[in-house]
Each structure stands twice: as structure tokens, then as C-alpha cells.
Amino acid sequence: MSSVVTKQIESAVHRFVTQRRRMTFTVLSHSFPEYTWQTLFQVLHGLQEKNLVILAPLLWDYEIISQDKIGK
């Protein structure tokens, strides 16, 4: 996957998570069916490294929390 495509996916996922504030990975993956779960996890990992999201493990899923809305 090219860097430009990755940036586009990252931007779309970041906007979606920011709008929703909190969601599970299942919700995210259903919202972006054109991408594999591996691609979405790679994008989330990048966003987490930039402190834009928190990826918290749940019993059978992950919770994705937008850092953009916390404390605002």
C-alpha cells in the first residue's frame, strides 16, 4: 500500500473516530468494509502513536477513543 493511500485511509478513519468520539473496532470495520482489519489496525496504530486515538482492549473487541475530544 502506498504512503499516499495510507494517509488517505488514516485521514478518513481519524475524521470518523473524531466525529463518533468512542466506538468499537467492530463498528469501525463495518463502517469501512473496503479495508481489511489488518489495514485498519495499522492505521489505528499510527493514529495511536500520534496520540490521536486510544485503542483499549475489551473482552472480545477493542474500544477506540478519540483523543481530540478528551478534556475539551
PDB file of N, CA and C in Angstrom:
ATOM      1  N   MET A   1       0.852  -1.184   0.000  1.00  0.00           N
ATOM      2  CA  MET A   1       0.000   0.000   0.000  1.00  0.00           C
ATOM      3  C   MET A   1       0.893   1.241   0.000  1.00  0.00           C
ATOM      4  N   SER A   2       0.580   2.190  -0.860  1.00  0.00           N
ATOM      5  CA  SER A   2       1.416   3.374  -0.962  1.00  0.00           C
ATOM      6  C   SER A   2       1.177   4.312   0.214  1.00  0.00           C
ATOM      7  N   SER A   3       2.139   5.168   0.422  1.00  0.00           N
ATOM      8  CA  SER A   3       2.070   6.135   1.519  1.00  0.00           C
ATOM      9  C   SER A   3       0.890   7.086   1.344  1.00  0.00           C
ATOM     10  N   VAL A   4       0.621   7.484   0.104  1.00  0.00           N
ATOM     11  CA  VAL A   4      -0.493   8.402  -0.168  1.00  0.00           C
ATOM     12  C   VAL A   4      -1.819   7.731   0.184  1.00  0.00           C
ATOM     13  N   VAL A   5      -1.981   6.476  -0.207  1.00  0.00           N
ATOM     14  CA  VAL A   5      -3.215   5.737   0.102  1.00  0.00           C
ATOM     15  C   VAL A   5      -3.353   5.567   1.602  1.00  0.00           C
ATOM     16  N   THR A   6      -2.261   5.227   2.278  1.00  0.00           N
ATOM     17  CA  THR A   6      -2.293   5.073   3.734  1.00  0.00           C
ATOM     18  C   THR A   6      -2.717   6.374   4.404  1.00  0.00           C
ATOM     19  N   LYS A   7      -2.186   7.483   3.953  1.00  0.00           N
ATOM     20  CA  LYS A   7      -2.550   8.795   4.522  1.00  0.00           C
ATOM     21  C   LYS A   7      -4.033   9.091   4.293  1.00  0.00           C
ATOM     22  N   GLN A   8      -4.556   8.725   3.134  1.00  0.00           N
ATOM     23  CA  GLN A   8      -5.971   8.953   2.854  1.00  0.00           C
ATOM     24  C   GLN A   8      -6.853   8.116   3.780  1.00  0.00           C
ATOM     25  N   ILE A   9      -6.486   6.857   3.962  1.00  0.00           N
ATOM     26  CA  ILE A   9      -7.248   5.985   4.860  1.00  0.00           C
ATOM     27  C   ILE A   9      -7.150   6.506   6.287  1.00  0.00           C
ATOM     28  N   GLU A  10      -5.936   6.876   6.704  1.00  0.00           N
ATOM     29  CA  GLU A  10      -5.729   7.398   8.048  1.00  0.00           C
ATOM     30  C   GLU A  10      -6.581   8.640   8.284  1.00  0.00           C
ATOM     31  N   SER A  11      -6.625   9.528   7.326  1.00  0.00           N
ATOM     32  CA  SER A  11      -7.412  10.752   7.440  1.00  0.00           C
ATOM     33  C   SER A  11      -8.902  10.434   7.567  1.00  0.00           C
ATOM     34  N   ALA A  12      -9.394   9.516   6.745  1.00  0.00           N
ATOM     35  CA  ALA A  12     -10.814   9.144   6.790  1.00  0.00           C
ATOM     36  C   ALA A  12     -11.173   8.483   8.124  1.00  0.00           C
ATOM     37  N   VAL A  13     -10.320   7.587   8.593  1.00  0.00           N
ATOM     38  CA  VAL A  13     -10.574   6.909   9.874  1.00  0.00           C
ATOM     39  C   VAL A  13     -10.521   7.916  11.018  1.00  0.00           C
ATOM     40  N   HIS A  14      -9.539   8.812  10.984  1.00  0.00           N
ATOM     41  CA  HIS A  14      -9.417   9.819  12.048  1.00  0.00           C
ATOM     42  C   HIS A  14     -10.658  10.717  12.106  1.00  0.00           C
ATOM     43  N   ARG A  15     -11.126  11.173  10.952  1.00  0.00           N
ATOM     44  CA  ARG A  15     -12.348  12.003  10.922  1.00  0.00           C
ATOM     45  C   ARG A  15     -13.534  11.236  11.508  1.00  0.00           C
ATOM     46  N   PHE A  16     -13.680   9.986  11.109  1.00  0.00           N
ATOM     47  CA  PHE A  16     -14.797   9.159  11.569  1.00  0.00           C
ATOM     48  C   PHE A  16     -14.747   8.957  13.084  1.00  0.00           C
ATOM     49  N   VAL A  17     -13.575   8.630  13.595  1.00  0.00           N
ATOM     50  CA  VAL A  17     -13.430   8.409  15.043  1.00  0.00           C
ATOM     51  C   VAL A  17     -13.658   9.716  15.808  1.00  0.00           C
ATOM     52  N   THR A  18     -13.150  10.816  15.282  1.00  0.00           N
ATOM     53  CA  THR A  18     -13.339  12.108  15.940  1.00  0.00           C
ATOM     54  C   THR A  18     -14.821  12.478  16.007  1.00  0.00           C
ATOM     55  N   GLN A  19     -15.559  12.217  14.938  1.00  0.00           N
ATOM     56  CA  GLN A  19     -16.992  12.518  14.917  1.00  0.00           C
ATOM     57  C   GLN A  19     -17.765  11.651  15.901  1.00  0.00           C
ATOM     58  N   ARG A  20     -17.390  10.393  16.009  1.00  0.00           N
ATOM     59  CA  ARG A  20     -18.094   9.443  16.861  1.00  0.00           C
ATOM     60  C   ARG A  20     -17.634   9.492  18.314  1.00  0.00           C
ATOM     61  N   ARG A  21     -16.416   9.937  18.547  1.00  0.00           N
ATOM     62  CA  ARG A  21     -15.780  10.036  19.849  1.00  0.00           C
ATOM     63  C   ARG A  21     -15.337   8.694  20.426  1.00  0.00           C
ATOM     64  N   ARG A  22     -16.237   7.716  20.509  1.00  0.00           N
ATOM     65  CA  ARG A  22     -15.919   6.373  21.010  1.00  0.00           C
ATOM     66  C   ARG A  22     -16.649   5.350  20.176  1.00  0.00           C
ATOM     67  N   MET A  23     -15.994   4.238  19.942  1.00  0.00           N
ATOM     68  CA  MET A  23     -16.641   3.149  19.215  1.00  0.00           C
ATOM     69  C   MET A  23     -15.815   1.896  19.393  1.00  0.00           C
ATOM     70  N   THR A  24     -16.385   0.784  18.988  1.00  0.00           N
ATOM     71  CA  THR A  24     -15.621  -0.458  18.996  1.00  0.00           C
ATOM     72  C   THR A  24     -14.968  -0.647  17.625  1.00  0.00           C
ATOM     73  N   PHE A  25     -13.983  -1.523  17.605  1.00  0.00           N
ATOM     74  CA  PHE A  25     -13.334  -1.844  16.342  1.00  0.00           C
ATOM     75  C   PHE A  25     -14.337  -2.474  15.380  1.00  0.00           C
ATOM     76  N   THR A  26     -15.266  -3.248  15.910  1.00  0.00           N
ATOM     77  CA  THR A  26     -16.297  -3.877  15.073  1.00  0.00           C
ATOM     78  C   THR A  26     -17.098  -2.823  14.322  1.00  0.00           C
ATOM     79  N   VAL A  27     -17.495  -1.760  15.004  1.00  0.00           N
ATOM     80  CA  VAL A  27     -18.240  -0.669  14.354  1.00  0.00           C
ATOM     81  C   VAL A  27     -17.378  -0.027  13.269  1.00  0.00           C
ATOM     82  N   LEU A  28     -16.117   0.218  13.584  1.00  0.00           N
ATOM     83  CA  LEU A  28     -15.218   0.827  12.605  1.00  0.00           C
ATOM     84  C   LEU A  28     -15.058  -0.065  11.380  1.00  0.00           C
ATOM     85  N   SER A  29     -14.842  -1.349  11.602  1.00  0.00           N
ATOM     86  CA  SER A  29     -14.635  -2.254  10.469  1.00  0.00           C
ATOM     87  C   SER A  29     -15.886  -2.394   9.605  1.00  0.00           C
ATOM     88  N   HIS A  30     -17.068  -2.308  10.216  1.00  0.00           N
ATOM     89  CA  HIS A  30     -18.309  -2.349   9.435  1.00  0.00           C
ATOM     90  C   HIS A  30     -18.522  -1.045   8.665  1.00  0.00           C
ATOM     91  N   SER A  31     -17.960   0.031   9.171  1.00  0.00           N
ATOM     92  CA  SER A  31     -18.089   1.331   8.509  1.00  0.00           C
ATOM     93  C   SER A  31     -17.110   1.484   7.345  1.00  0.00           C
ATOM     94  N   PHE A  32     -16.048   0.677   7.349  1.00  0.00           N
ATOM     95  CA  PHE A  32     -15.038   0.712   6.288  1.00  0.00           C
ATOM     96  C   PHE A  32     -14.837  -0.701   5.732  1.00  0.00           C
ATOM     97  N   PRO A  33     -15.873  -1.287   5.133  1.00  0.00           N
ATOM     98  CA  PRO A  33     -15.773  -2.681   4.676  1.00  0.00           C
ATOM     99  C   PRO A  33     -14.778  -2.885   3.529  1.00  0.00           C
ATOM    100  N   GLU A  34     -14.385  -1.819   2.884  1.00  0.00           N
ATOM    101  CA  GLU A  34     -13.454  -1.937   1.765  1.00  0.00           C
ATOM    102  C   GLU A  34     -12.010  -2.186   2.232  1.00  0.00           C
ATOM    103  N   TYR A  35     -11.749  -2.045   3.532  1.00  0.00           N
ATOM    104  CA  TYR A  35     -10.409  -2.249   4.078  1.00  0.00           C
ATOM    105  C   TYR A  35     -10.377  -3.493   4.961  1.00  0.00           C
ATOM    106  N   THR A  36      -9.257  -4.199   4.926  1.00  0.00           N
ATOM    107  CA  THR A  36      -9.105  -5.372   5.784  1.00  0.00           C
ATOM    108  C   THR A  36      -8.913  -4.925   7.225  1.00  0.00           C
ATOM    109  N   TRP A  37      -9.166  -5.853   8.150  1.00  0.00           N
ATOM    110  CA  TRP A  37      -8.961  -5.499   9.557  1.00  0.00           C
ATOM    111  C   TRP A  37      -7.486  -5.226   9.820  1.00  0.00           C
ATOM    112  N   GLN A  38      -6.592  -5.866   9.089  1.00  0.00           N
ATOM    113  CA  GLN A  38      -5.159  -5.618   9.253  1.00  0.00           C
ATOM    114  C   GLN A  38      -4.811  -4.175   8.883  1.00  0.00           C
ATOM    115  N   THR A  39      -5.369  -3.703   7.779  1.00  0.00           N
ATOM    116  CA  THR A  39      -5.140  -2.321   7.349  1.00  0.00           C
ATOM    117  C   THR A  39      -5.673  -1.353   8.391  1.00  0.00           C
ATOM    118  N   LEU A  40      -6.876  -1.608   8.897  1.00  0.00           N
ATOM    119  CA  LEU A  40      -7.462  -0.719   9.900  1.00  0.00           C
ATOM    120  C   LEU A  40      -6.632  -0.705  11.182  1.00  0.00           C
ATOM    121  N   PHE A  41      -6.128  -1.853  11.607  1.00  0.00           N
ATOM    122  CA  PHE A  41      -5.270  -1.882  12.796  1.00  0.00           C
ATOM    123  C   PHE A  41      -3.967  -1.130  12.566  1.00  0.00           C
ATOM    124  N   GLN A  42      -3.409  -1.233  11.369  1.00  0.00           N
ATOM    125  CA  GLN A  42      -2.186  -0.482  11.052  1.00  0.00           C
ATOM    126  C   GLN A  42      -2.451   1.021  11.145  1.00  0.00           C
ATOM    127  N   VAL A  43      -3.574   1.443  10.586  1.00  0.00           N
ATOM    128  CA  VAL A  43      -3.943   2.854  10.628  1.00  0.00           C
ATOM    129  C   VAL A  43      -4.173   3.300  12.070  1.00  0.00           C
ATOM    130  N   LEU A  44      -4.892   2.499  12.843  1.00  0.00           N
ATOM    131  CA  LEU A  44      -5.142   2.848  14.251  1.00  0.00           C
ATOM    132  C   LEU A  44      -3.846   2.912  15.049  1.00  0.00           C
ATOM    133  N   HIS A  45      -2.926   2.012  14.763  1.00  0.00           N
ATOM    134  CA  HIS A  45      -1.639   2.029  15.445  1.00  0.00           C
ATOM    135  C   HIS A  45      -0.910   3.350  15.157  1.00  0.00           C
ATOM    136  N   GLY A  46      -0.936   3.775  13.903  1.00  0.00           N
ATOM    137  CA  GLY A  46      -0.320   5.051  13.543  1.00  0.00           C
ATOM    138  C   GLY A  46      -0.979   6.225  14.238  1.00  0.00           C
ATOM    139  N   LEU A  47      -2.307   6.208  14.307  1.00  0.00           N
ATOM    140  CA  LEU A  47      -3.033   7.281  14.994  1.00  0.00           C
ATOM    141  C   LEU A  47      -2.744   7.267  16.489  1.00  0.00           C
ATOM    142  N   GLN A  48      -2.594   6.079  17.052  1.00  0.00           N
ATOM    143  CA  GLN A  48      -2.284   5.971  18.478  1.00  0.00           C
ATOM    144  C   GLN A  48      -0.869   6.500  18.754  1.00  0.00           C
ATOM    145  N   GLU A  49       0.075   6.215  17.874  1.00  0.00           N
ATOM    146  CA  GLU A  49       1.441   6.732  18.041  1.00  0.00           C
ATOM    147  C   GLU A  49       1.481   8.256  17.965  1.00  0.00           C
ATOM    148  N   LYS A  50       0.543   8.843  17.236  1.00  0.00           N
ATOM    149  CA  LYS A  50       0.440  10.307  17.134  1.00  0.00           C
ATOM    150  C   LYS A  50      -0.430  10.892  18.244  1.00  0.00           C
ATOM    151  N   ASN A  51      -0.855  10.051  19.184  1.00  0.00           N
ATOM    152  CA  ASN A  51      -1.720  10.463  20.305  1.00  0.00           C
ATOM    153  C   ASN A  51      -3.046  11.055  19.851  1.00  0.00           C
ATOM    154  N   LEU A  52      -3.577  10.527  18.754  1.00  0.00           N
ATOM    155  CA  LEU A  52      -4.872  10.988  18.257  1.00  0.00           C
ATOM    156  C   LEU A  52      -6.006  10.066  18.687  1.00  0.00           C
ATOM    157  N   VAL A  53      -5.687   8.810  18.992  1.00  0.00           N
ATOM    158  CA  VAL A  53      -6.690   7.859  19.483  1.00  0.00           C
ATOM    159  C   VAL A  53      -6.068   6.988  20.573  1.00  0.00           C
ATOM    160  N   ILE A  54      -6.943   6.396  21.357  1.00  0.00           N
ATOM    161  CA  ILE A  54      -6.551   5.370  22.316  1.00  0.00           C
ATOM    162  C   ILE A  54      -7.228   4.089  21.855  1.00  0.00           C
ATOM    163  N   LEU A  55      -6.479   3.023  21.808  1.00  0.00           N
ATOM    164  CA  LEU A  55      -7.008   1.713  21.440  1.00  0.00           C
ATOM    165  C   LEU A  55      -6.961   0.860  22.703  1.00  0.00           C
ATOM    166  N   ALA A  56      -8.138   0.609  23.293  1.00  0.00           N
ATOM    167  CA  ALA A  56      -8.233  -0.102  24.571  1.00  0.00           C
ATOM    168  C   ALA A  56      -8.856  -1.476  24.366  1.00  0.00           C
ATOM    169  N   PRO A  57      -8.182  -2.527  24.832  1.00  0.00           N
ATOM    170  CA  PRO A  57      -8.738  -3.875  24.656  1.00  0.00           C
ATOM    171  C   PRO A  57      -9.988  -4.081  25.504  1.00  0.00           C
ATOM    172  N   LEU A  58     -10.967  -4.727  24.911  1.00  0.00           N
ATOM    173  CA  LEU A  58     -12.165  -5.186  25.599  1.00  0.00           C
ATOM    174  C   LEU A  58     -12.110  -6.713  25.599  1.00  0.00           C
ATOM    175  N   LEU A  59     -13.069  -7.353  26.218  1.00  0.00           N
ATOM    176  CA  LEU A  59     -13.049  -8.811  26.287  1.00  0.00           C
ATOM    177  C   LEU A  59     -13.015  -9.450  24.900  1.00  0.00           C
ATOM    178  N   TRP A  60     -13.891  -9.012  23.987  1.00  0.00           N
ATOM    179  CA  TRP A  60     -13.969  -9.612  22.647  1.00  0.00           C
ATOM    180  C   TRP A  60     -13.792  -8.612  21.524  1.00  0.00           C
ATOM    181  N   ASP A  61     -13.306  -7.420  21.829  1.00  0.00           N
ATOM    182  CA  ASP A  61     -13.221  -6.360  20.832  1.00  0.00           C
ATOM    183  C   ASP A  61     -12.190  -5.343  21.319  1.00  0.00           C
ATOM    184  N   TYR A  62     -12.115  -4.215  20.661  1.00  0.00           N
ATOM    185  CA  TYR A  62     -11.305  -3.080  21.097  1.00  0.00           C
ATOM    186  C   TYR A  62     -12.191  -1.845  21.112  1.00  0.00           C
ATOM    187  N   GLU A  63     -11.955  -0.966  22.071  1.00  0.00           N
ATOM    188  CA  GLU A  63     -12.629   0.329  22.075  1.00  0.00           C
ATOM    189  C   GLU A  63     -11.654   1.348  21.509  1.00  0.00           C
ATOM    190  N   ILE A  64     -12.165   2.181  20.633  1.00  0.00           N
ATOM    191  CA  ILE A  64     -11.367   3.242  20.033  1.00  0.00           C
ATOM    192  C   ILE A  64     -11.905   4.553  20.590  1.00  0.00           C
ATOM    193  N   ILE A  65     -11.029   5.331  21.205  1.00  0.00           N
ATOM    194  CA  ILE A  65     -11.425   6.583  21.845  1.00  0.00           C
ATOM    195  C   ILE A  65     -10.648   7.718  21.190  1.00  0.00           C
ATOM    196  N   SER A  66     -11.371   8.738  20.754  1.00  0.00           N
ATOM    197  CA  SER A  66     -10.731   9.892  20.134  1.00  0.00           C
ATOM    198  C   SER A  66     -10.049  10.741  21.203  1.00  0.00           C
ATOM    199  N   GLN A  67      -8.803  11.062  20.990  1.00  0.00           N
ATOM    200  CA  GLN A  67      -8.075  11.959  21.888  1.00  0.00           C
ATOM    201  C   GLN A  67      -8.448  13.411  21.619  1.00  0.00           C
ATOM    202  N   ASP A  68      -8.987  13.698  20.433  1.00  0.00           N
ATOM    203  CA  ASP A  68      -9.324  15.070  20.061  1.00  0.00           C
ATOM    204  C   ASP A  68     -10.417  15.667  20.925  1.00  0.00           C
ATOM    205  N   LYS A  69     -11.286  14.831  21.489  1.00  0.00           N
ATOM    206  CA  LYS A  69     -12.427  15.321  22.258  1.00  0.00           C
ATOM    207  C   LYS A  69     -12.190  15.271  23.765  1.00  0.00           C
ATOM    208  N   ILE A  70     -11.190  14.533  24.227  1.00  0.00           N
ATOM    209  CA  ILE A  70     -10.973  14.374  25.660  1.00  0.00           C
ATOM    210  C   ILE A  70     -10.507  15.702  26.257  1.00  0.00           C
ATOM    211  N   GLY A  71     -11.209  16.109  27.298  1.00  0.00           N
ATOM    212  CA  GLY A  71     -10.865  17.322  28.008  1.00  0.00           C
ATOM    213  C   GLY A  71     -11.255  18.599  27.293  1.00  0.00           C
ATOM    214  N   LYS A  72     -12.075  18.501  26.261  1.00  0.00           N
ATOM    215  CA  LYS A  72     -12.494  19.715  25.532  1.00  0.00           C
ATOM    216  C   LYS A  72     -13.963  19.952  25.698  1.00  0.00           C
TER     217      LYS A  72
END
